[in-house]
Amino acid sequence: MQSKETFLSRWSRLKKRAESLVKTEPAKPLTNEPKLPPVEQLNLESDYSAFFHPKVDEKLRRAALRKLFSDPHFNVMDGLDVYIDDYGKPDPIPPEMLARLIESNPLLFPATEEQAVDQLQGQKSREALPQQQPQPAVESKQENSVPNIQSDAKSKI
């Protein structure tokens, strides 16, 4: 009859066997590294996926990406950047639009002597017209139109 092995003795035996297997196996060389083309020969059509392998050095990966994004294909503005214009140089307003700006005409287009004389005469003629006072919208009722009963009663006494 076989004797029963205790839990700890079984665990110890299996652990020793696993350690002996690990020590006897030779280390496998790393052959999974991808073959990379030289960074100087990369262009837009090159395959950059090998540079993203986990075993590729970070400096080499960055150099490959720098080479990729230095291509003129990626240096085209998309036109959606609103703040790329030089707003220090204002666009001139066309003269036709300036002429329609009534409030700014005296500032932008100073009047000649003839126009100044015409404007003064226009102001004098407006001052010479009789000033009409505005009529009230609702006329007030006359006080005498409503008979006063008390004043009539006093006058009869």
C-alpha atoms as a PDB file:
ATOM      1  CA  MET A   1       0.000   0.000   0.000  1.00  0.00           C
ATOM      2  CA  GLN A   2       1.276   3.417  -0.944  1.00  0.00           C
ATOM      3  CA  SER A   3       1.773   5.976   1.735  1.00  0.00           C
ATOM      4  CA  LYS A   4      -0.072   9.201   1.318  1.00  0.00           C
ATOM      5  CA  GLU A   5       2.111  12.200   0.539  1.00  0.00           C
ATOM      6  CA  THR A   6       1.386  15.325   2.522  1.00  0.00           C
ATOM      7  CA  PHE A   7       0.580  18.579   0.786  1.00  0.00           C
ATOM      8  CA  LEU A   8       3.840  20.303   1.680  1.00  0.00           C
ATOM      9  CA  SER A   9       6.054  17.388   0.629  1.00  0.00           C
ATOM     10  CA  ARG A  10       4.293  17.153  -2.735  1.00  0.00           C
ATOM     11  CA  TRP A  11       4.629  20.930  -3.272  1.00  0.00           C
ATOM     12  CA  SER A  12       8.336  20.805  -2.405  1.00  0.00           C
ATOM     13  CA  ARG A  13       8.981  17.890  -4.783  1.00  0.00           C
ATOM     14  CA  LEU A  14       7.246  19.591  -7.718  1.00  0.00           C
ATOM     15  CA  LYS A  15       9.056  22.846  -7.067  1.00  0.00           C
ATOM     16  CA  LYS A  16      12.476  21.142  -7.125  1.00  0.00           C
ATOM     17  CA  ARG A  17      11.628  19.372 -10.389  1.00  0.00           C
ATOM     18  CA  ALA A  18      10.548  22.670 -12.019  1.00  0.00           C
ATOM     19  CA  GLU A  19      13.779  24.387 -10.913  1.00  0.00           C
ATOM     20  CA  SER A  20      15.900  21.585 -12.363  1.00  0.00           C
ATOM     21  CA  LEU A  21      14.097  21.854 -15.723  1.00  0.00           C
ATOM     22  CA  VAL A  22      14.688  25.588 -15.903  1.00  0.00           C
ATOM     23  CA  LYS A  23      18.431  25.207 -15.168  1.00  0.00           C
ATOM     24  CA  THR A  24      18.977  22.516 -17.818  1.00  0.00           C
ATOM     25  CA  GLU A  25      17.242  24.346 -20.703  1.00  0.00           C
ATOM     26  CA  PRO A  26      19.624  26.578 -22.696  1.00  0.00           C
ATOM     27  CA  ALA A  27      18.618  30.203 -23.220  1.00  0.00           C
ATOM     28  CA  LYS A  28      17.085  30.831 -26.629  1.00  0.00           C
ATOM     29  CA  PRO A  29      18.587  33.710 -28.613  1.00  0.00           C
ATOM     30  CA  LEU A  30      16.191  36.533 -29.493  1.00  0.00           C
ATOM     31  CA  THR A  31      15.517  36.120 -33.189  1.00  0.00           C
ATOM     32  CA  ASN A  32      12.199  37.956 -33.224  1.00  0.00           C
ATOM     33  CA  GLU A  33      13.760  41.367 -33.849  1.00  0.00           C
ATOM     34  CA  PRO A  34      12.472  42.816 -37.091  1.00  0.00           C
ATOM     35  CA  LYS A  35      14.856  43.650 -39.891  1.00  0.00           C
ATOM     36  CA  LEU A  36      14.866  47.412 -40.247  1.00  0.00           C
ATOM     37  CA  PRO A  37      15.889  49.392 -43.302  1.00  0.00           C
ATOM     38  CA  PRO A  38      18.343  52.256 -42.776  1.00  0.00           C
ATOM     39  CA  VAL A  39      16.626  55.471 -41.690  1.00  0.00           C
ATOM     40  CA  GLU A  40      18.362  57.471 -44.433  1.00  0.00           C
ATOM     41  CA  GLN A  41      16.663  55.382 -47.146  1.00  0.00           C
ATOM     42  CA  LEU A  42      13.126  55.791 -45.807  1.00  0.00           C
ATOM     43  CA  ASN A  43      10.567  57.730 -47.808  1.00  0.00           C
ATOM     44  CA  LEU A  44       6.784  58.219 -47.863  1.00  0.00           C
ATOM     45  CA  GLU A  45       6.118  54.812 -49.459  1.00  0.00           C
ATOM     46  CA  SER A  46       8.330  52.888 -46.983  1.00  0.00           C
ATOM     47  CA  ASP A  47       6.847  50.484 -44.451  1.00  0.00           C
ATOM     48  CA  TYR A  48       7.229  51.996 -41.000  1.00  0.00           C
ATOM     49  CA  SER A  49       5.385  49.259 -39.102  1.00  0.00           C
ATOM     50  CA  ALA A  50       8.622  47.429 -38.219  1.00  0.00           C
ATOM     51  CA  PHE A  51       9.777  50.472 -36.280  1.00  0.00           C
ATOM     52  CA  PHE A  52       6.839  50.055 -33.904  1.00  0.00           C
ATOM     53  CA  HIS A  53       7.944  46.619 -32.699  1.00  0.00           C
ATOM     54  CA  PRO A  54       8.431  46.612 -28.895  1.00  0.00           C
ATOM     55  CA  LYS A  55      12.068  45.531 -29.203  1.00  0.00           C
ATOM     56  CA  VAL A  56      13.072  48.492 -31.387  1.00  0.00           C
ATOM     57  CA  ASP A  57      15.007  51.223 -29.587  1.00  0.00           C
ATOM     58  CA  GLU A  58      13.002  54.372 -28.867  1.00  0.00           C
ATOM     59  CA  LYS A  59      15.637  56.654 -30.425  1.00  0.00           C
ATOM     60  CA  LEU A  60      15.556  54.671 -33.666  1.00  0.00           C
ATOM     61  CA  ARG A  61      11.734  54.777 -33.714  1.00  0.00           C
ATOM     62  CA  ARG A  62      11.739  58.550 -33.235  1.00  0.00           C
ATOM     63  CA  ALA A  63      14.353  59.021 -35.962  1.00  0.00           C
ATOM     64  CA  ALA A  64      12.182  57.033 -38.394  1.00  0.00           C
ATOM     65  CA  LEU A  65       9.082  59.070 -37.526  1.00  0.00           C
ATOM     66  CA  ARG A  66      11.044  62.317 -37.835  1.00  0.00           C
ATOM     67  CA  LYS A  67      12.104  61.206 -41.323  1.00  0.00           C
ATOM     68  CA  LEU A  68       8.498  60.339 -42.207  1.00  0.00           C
ATOM     69  CA  PHE A  69       6.980  63.626 -41.051  1.00  0.00           C
ATOM     70  CA  SER A  70       9.701  65.753 -42.607  1.00  0.00           C
ATOM     71  CA  ASP A  71       8.251  64.816 -46.005  1.00  0.00           C
ATOM     72  CA  PRO A  72       6.566  67.787 -47.771  1.00  0.00           C
ATOM     73  CA  HIS A  73       3.378  65.723 -48.038  1.00  0.00           C
ATOM     74  CA  PHE A  74       2.730  66.385 -44.326  1.00  0.00           C
ATOM     75  CA  ASN A  75       3.625  70.084 -44.441  1.00  0.00           C
ATOM     76  CA  VAL A  76       0.435  71.182 -46.219  1.00  0.00           C
ATOM     77  CA  MET A  77      -1.849  73.463 -44.221  1.00  0.00           C
ATOM     78  CA  ASP A  78      -5.410  72.228 -43.998  1.00  0.00           C
ATOM     79  CA  GLY A  79      -7.034  75.656 -44.234  1.00  0.00           C
ATOM     80  CA  LEU A  80      -9.011  75.172 -41.033  1.00  0.00           C
ATOM     81  CA  ASP A  81      -6.476  77.004 -38.880  1.00  0.00           C
ATOM     82  CA  VAL A  82      -8.118  80.350 -38.338  1.00  0.00           C
ATOM     83  CA  TYR A  83      -5.280  81.876 -36.390  1.00  0.00           C
ATOM     84  CA  ILE A  84      -2.476  81.389 -38.935  1.00  0.00           C
ATOM     85  CA  ASP A  85      -3.130  84.590 -40.849  1.00  0.00           C
ATOM     86  CA  ASP A  86      -1.184  87.766 -40.173  1.00  0.00           C
ATOM     87  CA  TYR A  87      -3.821  90.005 -38.655  1.00  0.00           C
ATOM     88  CA  GLY A  88      -1.282  92.795 -38.266  1.00  0.00           C
ATOM     89  CA  LYS A  89      -1.891  93.682 -41.921  1.00  0.00           C
ATOM     90  CA  PRO A  90      -5.521  94.783 -42.223  1.00  0.00           C
ATOM     91  CA  ASP A  91      -7.432  94.262 -45.439  1.00  0.00           C
ATOM     92  CA  PRO A  92      -8.293  97.624 -46.957  1.00  0.00           C
ATOM     93  CA  ILE A  93     -11.968  98.470 -47.283  1.00  0.00           C
ATOM     94  CA  PRO A  94     -12.932  99.094 -50.908  1.00  0.00           C
ATOM     95  CA  PRO A  95     -13.596 102.777 -51.755  1.00  0.00           C
ATOM     96  CA  GLU A  96     -17.213 102.040 -52.755  1.00  0.00           C
ATOM     97  CA  MET A  97     -17.923 100.660 -49.303  1.00  0.00           C
ATOM     98  CA  LEU A  98     -16.162 103.586 -47.631  1.00  0.00           C
ATOM     99  CA  ALA A  99     -18.389 106.032 -49.541  1.00  0.00           C
ATOM    100  CA  ARG A 100     -21.478 104.282 -48.148  1.00  0.00           C
ATOM    101  CA  LEU A 101     -20.331 104.733 -44.546  1.00  0.00           C
ATOM    102  CA  ILE A 102     -22.297 107.890 -43.782  1.00  0.00           C
ATOM    103  CA  GLU A 103     -21.106 108.280 -40.186  1.00  0.00           C
ATOM    104  CA  SER A 104     -17.443 108.213 -41.159  1.00  0.00           C
ATOM    105  CA  ASN A 105     -17.649 110.323 -44.333  1.00  0.00           C
ATOM    106  CA  PRO A 106     -16.653 113.601 -42.617  1.00  0.00           C
ATOM    107  CA  LEU A 107     -13.650 111.855 -41.079  1.00  0.00           C
ATOM    108  CA  LEU A 108     -12.561 109.903 -44.137  1.00  0.00           C
ATOM    109  CA  PHE A 109     -13.419 112.432 -46.840  1.00  0.00           C
ATOM    110  CA  PRO A 110     -12.950 116.008 -45.609  1.00  0.00           C
ATOM    111  CA  ALA A 111     -15.351 118.456 -47.244  1.00  0.00           C
ATOM    112  CA  THR A 112     -14.080 120.928 -49.809  1.00  0.00           C
ATOM    113  CA  GLU A 113     -14.803 124.652 -49.382  1.00  0.00           C
ATOM    114  CA  GLU A 114     -17.807 124.490 -51.728  1.00  0.00           C
ATOM    115  CA  GLN A 115     -19.344 121.588 -49.810  1.00  0.00           C
ATOM    116  CA  ALA A 116     -18.718 123.351 -46.503  1.00  0.00           C
ATOM    117  CA  VAL A 117     -20.516 126.482 -47.783  1.00  0.00           C
ATOM    118  CA  ASP A 118     -23.452 124.357 -49.018  1.00  0.00           C
ATOM    119  CA  GLN A 119     -23.714 122.667 -45.617  1.00  0.00           C
ATOM    120  CA  LEU A 120     -23.727 126.019 -43.786  1.00  0.00           C
ATOM    121  CA  GLN A 121     -26.450 127.384 -46.058  1.00  0.00           C
ATOM    122  CA  GLY A 122     -28.519 124.240 -45.483  1.00  0.00           C
ATOM    123  CA  GLN A 123     -28.196 124.672 -41.707  1.00  0.00           C
ATOM    124  CA  LYS A 124     -29.184 128.361 -41.902  1.00  0.00           C
ATOM    125  CA  SER A 125     -32.233 127.602 -44.026  1.00  0.00           C
ATOM    126  CA  ARG A 126     -33.347 124.963 -41.504  1.00  0.00           C
ATOM    127  CA  GLU A 127     -32.941 127.462 -38.674  1.00  0.00           C
ATOM    128  CA  ALA A 128     -34.997 130.049 -40.562  1.00  0.00           C
ATOM    129  CA  LEU A 129     -38.024 127.747 -40.772  1.00  0.00           C
ATOM    130  CA  PRO A 130     -40.553 128.312 -37.973  1.00  0.00           C
ATOM    131  CA  GLN A 131     -40.241 125.720 -35.296  1.00  0.00           C
ATOM    132  CA  GLN A 132     -43.450 123.777 -34.916  1.00  0.00           C
ATOM    133  CA  GLN A 133     -44.222 122.399 -31.548  1.00  0.00           C
ATOM    134  CA  PRO A 134     -45.355 118.827 -31.584  1.00  0.00           C
ATOM    135  CA  GLN A 135     -49.077 118.302 -31.081  1.00  0.00           C
ATOM    136  CA  PRO A 136     -50.015 116.126 -28.130  1.00  0.00           C
ATOM    137  CA  ALA A 137     -51.359 112.763 -29.125  1.00  0.00           C
ATOM    138  CA  VAL A 138     -54.372 112.992 -26.789  1.00  0.00           C
ATOM    139  CA  GLU A 139     -56.148 116.297 -26.383  1.00  0.00           C
ATOM    140  CA  SER A 140     -56.960 117.286 -22.826  1.00  0.00           C
ATOM    141  CA  LYS A 141     -60.579 117.829 -21.915  1.00  0.00           C
ATOM    142  CA  GLN A 142     -61.722 121.317 -21.223  1.00  0.00           C
ATOM    143  CA  GLU A 143     -62.562 121.981 -17.603  1.00  0.00           C
ATOM    144  CA  ASN A 144     -65.763 123.913 -18.364  1.00  0.00           C
ATOM    145  CA  SER A 145     -67.295 121.219 -20.489  1.00  0.00           C
ATOM    146  CA  VAL A 146     -68.324 119.136 -17.457  1.00  0.00           C
ATOM    147  CA  PRO A 147     -71.034 120.853 -15.458  1.00  0.00           C
ATOM    148  CA  ASN A 148     -70.222 121.366 -11.831  1.00  0.00           C
ATOM    149  CA  ILE A 149     -73.323 120.667  -9.781  1.00  0.00           C
ATOM    150  CA  GLN A 150     -72.051 122.215  -6.578  1.00  0.00           C
ATOM    151  CA  SER A 151     -71.110 125.518  -8.175  1.00  0.00           C
ATOM    152  CA  ASP A 152     -74.557 125.704  -9.816  1.00  0.00           C
ATOM    153  CA  ALA A 153     -76.249 125.071  -6.499  1.00  0.00           C
ATOM    154  CA  LYS A 154     -74.276 127.835  -4.771  1.00  0.00           C
ATOM    155  CA  SER A 155     -75.073 130.345  -7.457  1.00  0.00           C
ATOM    156  CA  LYS A 156     -78.839 129.735  -7.030  1.00  0.00           C
ATOM    157  CA  ILE A 157     -78.756 130.360  -3.319  1.00  0.00           C
END
